[in-house]
C-alpha atoms as a PDB file:
ATOM      1  CA  MET A   1      -8.184   7.498  -3.567  1.00  0.00           C
ATOM      2  CA  GLU A   2      -8.483   7.692  -7.336  1.00  0.00           C
ATOM      3  CA  LYS A   3      -5.215   6.746  -9.073  1.00  0.00           C
ATOM      4  CA  GLN A   4      -4.772   9.974 -11.039  1.00  0.00           C
ATOM      5  CA  ARG A   5      -5.137  12.017  -7.844  1.00  0.00           C
ATOM      6  CA  ALA A   6      -2.709   9.736  -5.971  1.00  0.00           C
ATOM      7  CA  ARG A   7      -0.223  10.062  -8.839  1.00  0.00           C
ATOM      8  CA  ARG A   8      -0.443  13.890  -8.812  1.00  0.00           C
ATOM      9  CA  ILE A   9      -0.003  14.044  -5.036  1.00  0.00           C
ATOM     10  CA  GLY A  10       2.965  11.658  -5.064  1.00  0.00           C
ATOM     11  CA  LEU A  11       4.724  13.381  -7.958  1.00  0.00           C
ATOM     12  CA  SER A  12       4.207  16.809  -6.435  1.00  0.00           C
ATOM     13  CA  ALA A  13       5.504  15.655  -3.035  1.00  0.00           C
ATOM     14  CA  ARG A  14       8.509  13.970  -4.647  1.00  0.00           C
ATOM     15  CA  ALA A  15       9.359  17.092  -6.658  1.00  0.00           C
ATOM     16  CA  ALA A  16       9.242  19.260  -3.509  1.00  0.00           C
ATOM     17  CA  ILE A  17      11.988  17.310  -1.712  1.00  0.00           C
ATOM     18  CA  THR A  18      15.120  19.427  -1.298  1.00  0.00           C
ATOM     19  CA  ASN A  19      18.376  18.340  -2.926  1.00  0.00           C
ATOM     20  CA  GLU A  20      19.956  17.868   0.499  1.00  0.00           C
ATOM     21  CA  GLN A  21      17.109  15.672   1.738  1.00  0.00           C
ATOM     22  CA  ARG A  22      17.071  13.733  -1.541  1.00  0.00           C
ATOM     23  CA  ALA A  23      20.812  13.004  -1.245  1.00  0.00           C
ATOM     24  CA  ALA A  24      20.342  11.702   2.308  1.00  0.00           C
ATOM     25  CA  TYR A  25      17.339   9.599   1.248  1.00  0.00           C
ATOM     26  CA  ASP A  26      19.188   8.159  -1.752  1.00  0.00           C
ATOM     27  CA  ALA A  27      22.207   7.200   0.372  1.00  0.00           C
ATOM     28  CA  ALA A  28      19.947   5.321   2.813  1.00  0.00           C
ATOM     29  CA  LEU A  29      18.014   3.660  -0.027  1.00  0.00           C
ATOM     30  CA  LEU A  30      21.267   2.465  -1.616  1.00  0.00           C
ATOM     31  CA  VAL A  31      22.197   0.614   1.582  1.00  0.00           C
ATOM     32  CA  ARG A  32      18.783  -1.074   1.651  1.00  0.00           C
ATOM     33  CA  MET A  33      18.860  -1.974  -2.052  1.00  0.00           C
ATOM     34  CA  LYS A  34      22.303  -3.577  -1.735  1.00  0.00           C
ATOM     35  CA  ALA A  35      21.156  -5.632   1.257  1.00  0.00           C
ATOM     36  CA  ILE A  36      18.075  -6.922  -0.564  1.00  0.00           C
ATOM     37  CA  ALA A  37      20.083  -7.721  -3.711  1.00  0.00           C
ATOM     38  CA  GLN A  38      22.789  -9.773  -1.986  1.00  0.00           C
ATOM     39  CA  ASN A  39      21.323 -13.170  -2.924  1.00  0.00           C
ATOM     40  CA  ALA A  40      19.553 -12.307  -6.181  1.00  0.00           C
ATOM     41  CA  SER A  41      20.631 -14.144  -9.331  1.00  0.00           C
ATOM     42  CA  LEU A  42      19.220 -11.685 -11.860  1.00  0.00           C
ATOM     43  CA  ILE A  43      18.149  -8.213 -10.790  1.00  0.00           C
ATOM     44  CA  GLY A  44      15.741  -6.030 -12.742  1.00  0.00           C
ATOM     45  CA  CYS A  45      16.072  -2.318 -12.033  1.00  0.00           C
ATOM     46  CA  TYR A  46      14.761   0.889 -13.509  1.00  0.00           C
ATOM     47  CA  VAL A  47      17.199   3.607 -14.541  1.00  0.00           C
ATOM     48  CA  SER A  48      16.131   6.634 -12.521  1.00  0.00           C
ATOM     49  CA  MET A  49      15.309   9.944 -14.147  1.00  0.00           C
ATOM     50  CA  LYS A  50      14.439  13.432 -12.957  1.00  0.00           C
ATOM     51  CA  ASP A  51      13.422  13.310  -9.298  1.00  0.00           C
ATOM     52  CA  GLU A  52      12.835   9.556  -8.975  1.00  0.00           C
ATOM     53  CA  ALA A  53      14.588   7.707  -6.174  1.00  0.00           C
ATOM     54  CA  ASP A  54      18.108   7.314  -7.546  1.00  0.00           C
ATOM     55  CA  THR A  55      19.240   3.963  -8.933  1.00  0.00           C
ATOM     56  CA  HIS A  56      22.455   5.031 -10.685  1.00  0.00           C
ATOM     57  CA  ALA A  57      24.660   4.338  -7.646  1.00  0.00           C
ATOM     58  CA  PHE A  58      23.000   0.936  -7.226  1.00  0.00           C
ATOM     59  CA  LEU A  59      23.518   0.061 -10.898  1.00  0.00           C
ATOM     60  CA  ASN A  60      27.190   1.023 -10.624  1.00  0.00           C
ATOM     61  CA  TRP A  61      27.520  -1.169  -7.513  1.00  0.00           C
ATOM     62  CA  CYS A  62      26.030  -4.058  -9.512  1.00  0.00           C
ATOM     63  CA  PHE A  63      28.590  -3.540 -12.286  1.00  0.00           C
ATOM     64  CA  GLN A  64      31.476  -3.321  -9.804  1.00  0.00           C
ATOM     65  CA  THR A  65      30.405  -6.497  -7.980  1.00  0.00           C
ATOM     66  CA  CYS A  66      29.674  -8.437 -11.200  1.00  0.00           C
ATOM     67  CA  ARG A  67      25.967  -8.849 -10.507  1.00  0.00           C
ATOM     68  CA  SER A  68      23.626  -9.697 -13.363  1.00  0.00           C
ATOM     69  CA  ILE A  69      21.421  -6.679 -13.988  1.00  0.00           C
ATOM     70  CA  ALA A  70      18.671  -6.095 -16.543  1.00  0.00           C
ATOM     71  CA  VAL A  71      17.101  -2.726 -17.258  1.00  0.00           C
ATOM     72  CA  PRO A  72      13.863  -1.908 -19.079  1.00  0.00           C
ATOM     73  CA  LYS A  73      13.227  -0.607 -22.558  1.00  0.00           C
ATOM     74  CA  VAL A  74       9.774   0.470 -23.757  1.00  0.00           C
ATOM     75  CA  GLU A  75       8.610  -1.857 -26.525  1.00  0.00           C
ATOM     76  CA  GLY A  76       5.132  -0.981 -27.686  1.00  0.00           C
ATOM     77  CA  LYS A  77       2.830  -1.260 -24.663  1.00  0.00           C
ATOM     78  CA  THR A  78       5.203  -3.319 -22.550  1.00  0.00           C
ATOM     79  CA  LEU A  79       8.785  -3.424 -21.329  1.00  0.00           C
ATOM     80  CA  GLY A  80      11.644  -5.534 -22.628  1.00  0.00           C
ATOM     81  CA  PHE A  81      14.504  -6.203 -20.191  1.00  0.00           C
ATOM     82  CA  TYR A  82      18.101  -6.245 -21.365  1.00  0.00           C
ATOM     83  CA  GLN A  83      21.202  -7.191 -19.455  1.00  0.00           C
ATOM     84  CA  ILE A  84      23.895  -4.533 -19.298  1.00  0.00           C
ATOM     85  CA  SER A  85      27.335  -4.332 -17.705  1.00  0.00           C
ATOM     86  CA  SER A  86      27.953  -0.568 -17.818  1.00  0.00           C
ATOM     87  CA  MET A  87      26.124   2.745 -17.839  1.00  0.00           C
ATOM     88  CA  ASP A  88      27.832   3.292 -21.213  1.00  0.00           C
ATOM     89  CA  GLU A  89      25.344   0.781 -22.634  1.00  0.00           C
ATOM     90  CA  LEU A  90      22.452   3.220 -22.109  1.00  0.00           C
ATOM     91  CA  ALA A  91      21.087   5.968 -24.370  1.00  0.00           C
ATOM     92  CA  PRO A  92      18.015   8.241 -24.197  1.00  0.00           C
ATOM     93  CA  GLY A  93      14.908   6.431 -25.396  1.00  0.00           C
ATOM     94  CA  VAL A  94      11.154   6.854 -25.027  1.00  0.00           C
ATOM     95  CA  PHE A  95      10.235   9.807 -22.774  1.00  0.00           C
ATOM     96  CA  GLY A  96      13.970  10.667 -22.516  1.00  0.00           C
ATOM     97  CA  VAL A  97      14.578   7.736 -20.153  1.00  0.00           C
ATOM     98  CA  LEU A  98      17.944   6.024 -20.454  1.00  0.00           C
ATOM     99  CA  GLU A  99      17.370   2.665 -22.133  1.00  0.00           C
ATOM    100  CA  PRO A 100      19.676  -0.233 -22.978  1.00  0.00           C
ATOM    101  CA  LEU A 101      21.483  -0.417 -26.299  1.00  0.00           C
ATOM    102  CA  SER A 102      22.194  -4.094 -25.596  1.00  0.00           C
ATOM    103  CA  SER A 103      20.701  -6.887 -27.655  1.00  0.00           C
ATOM    104  CA  HIS A 104      20.978  -9.300 -24.711  1.00  0.00           C
ATOM    105  CA  ARG A 105      17.245  -9.504 -24.003  1.00  0.00           C
ATOM    106  CA  THR A 106      16.135 -11.556 -21.017  1.00  0.00           C
ATOM    107  CA  ASP A 107      12.800 -13.098 -20.132  1.00  0.00           C
ATOM    108  CA  PRO A 108      11.251 -11.062 -17.281  1.00  0.00           C
ATOM    109  CA  ALA A 109      10.179 -14.355 -15.664  1.00  0.00           C
ATOM    110  CA  LYS A 110      13.891 -15.103 -15.069  1.00  0.00           C
ATOM    111  CA  ILE A 111      14.313 -11.927 -13.014  1.00  0.00           C
ATOM    112  CA  ASP A 112      14.097 -12.918  -9.366  1.00  0.00           C
ATOM    113  CA  LEU A 113      14.271  -9.393  -7.886  1.00  0.00           C
ATOM    114  CA  MET A 114      12.694  -6.355  -9.527  1.00  0.00           C
ATOM    115  CA  PHE A 115      13.209  -2.779  -8.300  1.00  0.00           C
ATOM    116  CA  ILE A 116      10.263  -0.708  -9.515  1.00  0.00           C
ATOM    117  CA  PRO A 117       9.734   3.070  -9.696  1.00  0.00           C
ATOM    118  CA  LEU A 118       6.555   4.641  -8.421  1.00  0.00           C
ATOM    119  CA  SER A 119       4.863   7.987  -8.194  1.00  0.00           C
ATOM    120  CA  SER A 120       2.787   7.145  -5.110  1.00  0.00           C
ATOM    121  CA  PHE A 121       2.009   4.184  -2.848  1.00  0.00           C
ATOM    122  CA  ASP A 122      -0.288   3.163  -0.017  1.00  0.00           C
ATOM    123  CA  HIS A 123       0.012   0.940   3.059  1.00  0.00           C
ATOM    124  CA  HIS A 124      -1.429  -2.022   1.076  1.00  0.00           C
ATOM    125  CA  LEU A 125       1.635  -1.829  -1.229  1.00  0.00           C
ATOM    126  CA  ASN A 126      -0.407  -0.616  -4.178  1.00  0.00           C
ATOM    127  CA  ARG A 127       1.500   1.802  -6.397  1.00  0.00           C
ATOM    128  CA  THR A 128       0.911   4.276  -9.131  1.00  0.00           C
ATOM    129  CA  GLY A 129       3.463   4.787 -11.855  1.00  0.00           C
ATOM    130  CA  TYR A 130       3.035   7.196 -14.710  1.00  0.00           C
ATOM    131  CA  GLY A 131      -0.237   5.684 -15.908  1.00  0.00           C
ATOM    132  CA  LYS A 132       0.842   3.592 -18.900  1.00  0.00           C
ATOM    133  CA  GLY A 133       0.848   0.161 -17.172  1.00  0.00           C
ATOM    134  CA  TYR A 134       4.289  -0.839 -18.464  1.00  0.00           C
ATOM    135  CA  TYR A 135       5.394  -2.535 -15.245  1.00  0.00           C
ATOM    136  CA  ASP A 136       2.049  -4.248 -14.644  1.00  0.00           C
ATOM    137  CA  SER A 137       2.511  -5.872 -18.063  1.00  0.00           C
ATOM    138  CA  VAL A 138       5.673  -7.735 -16.981  1.00  0.00           C
ATOM    139  CA  LEU A 139       5.379  -8.370 -13.251  1.00  0.00           C
ATOM    140  CA  THR A 140       4.852 -12.000 -12.341  1.00  0.00           C
ATOM    141  CA  GLU A 141       4.137 -13.855  -9.146  1.00  0.00           C
ATOM    142  CA  SER A 142       7.545 -15.525  -9.298  1.00  0.00           C
ATOM    143  CA  MET A 143       9.653 -12.398  -8.871  1.00  0.00           C
ATOM    144  CA  HIS A 144      10.148 -10.358  -5.713  1.00  0.00           C
ATOM    145  CA  LYS A 145       8.682  -6.934  -6.502  1.00  0.00           C
ATOM    146  CA  VAL A 146      10.234  -4.036  -4.569  1.00  0.00           C
ATOM    147  CA  GLY A 147       9.203  -0.404  -4.898  1.00  0.00           C
ATOM    148  CA  ILE A 148      11.731   2.326  -4.152  1.00  0.00           C
ATOM    149  CA  ALA A 149      10.232   5.486  -2.657  1.00  0.00           C
ATOM    150  CA  TYR A 150      10.518   8.519  -0.452  1.00  0.00           C
ATOM    151  CA  PRO A 151       8.150   8.752   2.556  1.00  0.00           C
ATOM    152  CA  GLU A 152       6.482  11.858   1.107  1.00  0.00           C
ATOM    153  CA  GLN A 153       5.054   9.741  -1.733  1.00  0.00           C
ATOM    154  CA  GLN A 154       2.734   7.751   0.552  1.00  0.00           C
ATOM    155  CA  VAL A 155      -0.974   8.477   0.121  1.00  0.00           C
ATOM    156  CA  GLU A 156      -4.179   7.114   1.582  1.00  0.00           C
ATOM    157  CA  GLU A 157      -5.547   3.924   0.077  1.00  0.00           C
ATOM    158  CA  ILE A 158      -5.267   3.838  -3.721  1.00  0.00           C
ATOM    159  CA  ASP A 159      -8.259   2.571  -5.711  1.00  0.00           C
ATOM    160  CA  ALA A 160      -6.461  -0.326  -7.399  1.00  0.00           C
ATOM    161  CA  ASP A 161      -7.893  -1.989 -10.491  1.00  0.00           C
ATOM    162  CA  PRO A 162      -7.943  -5.794 -10.899  1.00  0.00           C
ATOM    163  CA  TRP A 163      -4.977  -5.666 -13.303  1.00  0.00           C
ATOM    164  CA  ASP A 164      -2.817  -3.632 -10.884  1.00  0.00           C
ATOM    165  CA  ILE A 165      -0.170  -5.850  -9.328  1.00  0.00           C
ATOM    166  CA  PRO A 166       0.702  -4.939  -5.737  1.00  0.00           C
ATOM    167  CA  LEU A 167       4.317  -4.953  -4.643  1.00  0.00           C
ATOM    168  CA  ASP A 168       5.873  -7.398  -2.182  1.00  0.00           C
ATOM    169  CA  GLU A 169       7.626  -4.598  -0.364  1.00  0.00           C
ATOM    170  CA  ILE A 170       8.450  -0.925  -0.587  1.00  0.00           C
ATOM    171  CA  ILE A 171      11.731   0.289   0.780  1.00  0.00           C
ATOM    172  CA  LEU A 172      11.943   3.755   2.236  1.00  0.00           C
ATOM    173  CA  PRO A 173      15.006   5.555   3.585  1.00  0.00           C
ATOM    174  CA  ASP A 174      13.960   5.048   7.204  1.00  0.00           C
ATOM    175  CA  SER A 175      11.705   1.981   7.158  1.00  0.00           C
ATOM    176  CA  GLN A 176      10.038  -0.466   4.852  1.00  0.00           C
ATOM    177  CA  LEU A 177       6.616  -1.914   4.190  1.00  0.00           C
ATOM    178  CA  LYS A 178       6.162  -5.618   3.496  1.00  0.00           C
ATOM    179  CA  ARG A 179       3.226  -7.650   2.346  1.00  0.00           C
ATOM    180  CA  CYS A 180       1.956  -9.838   5.137  1.00  0.00           C
ATOM    181  CA  ILE A 181       1.196 -13.415   4.183  1.00  0.00           C
ATOM    182  CA  ILE A 182      -1.590 -14.861   6.341  1.00  0.00           C
END
């Protein structure tokens, strides 16, 4: 499936989820995110906006448990990651997304677990974002790449380009997909 079509389908499906269903999904996703993050040294995580799978509760858990967390900031055609210790260190930035005010920039290669937003995904763990390629510009083989999604965002096989970096796993409220290493 062509990426723009997959993106439209995923975004439309995500927007149609009721508030009650979204709250139940987000509660289940929080449990899964905390379990995956238990042994991570430095966690990268997006700051959710609009109808994305919520990360605010997870970020607050990280602050409360003194976990090292870095969040993205748009810098030209890529993302810079900055460590924060409170939601008070965020302000609206590019596209209205909350971005870090911190000057404590970290090398993305030092992030060992990265939670990544997506608009759609397939069973091969390919994802579409919003079409700008920001995350593809920073993802490395050394970090564990985890997409956070609702089941409604899954589409048939996405026509991935050579520069698209597949995820290692996608967590869903009721299951998860993992890349099989053969």
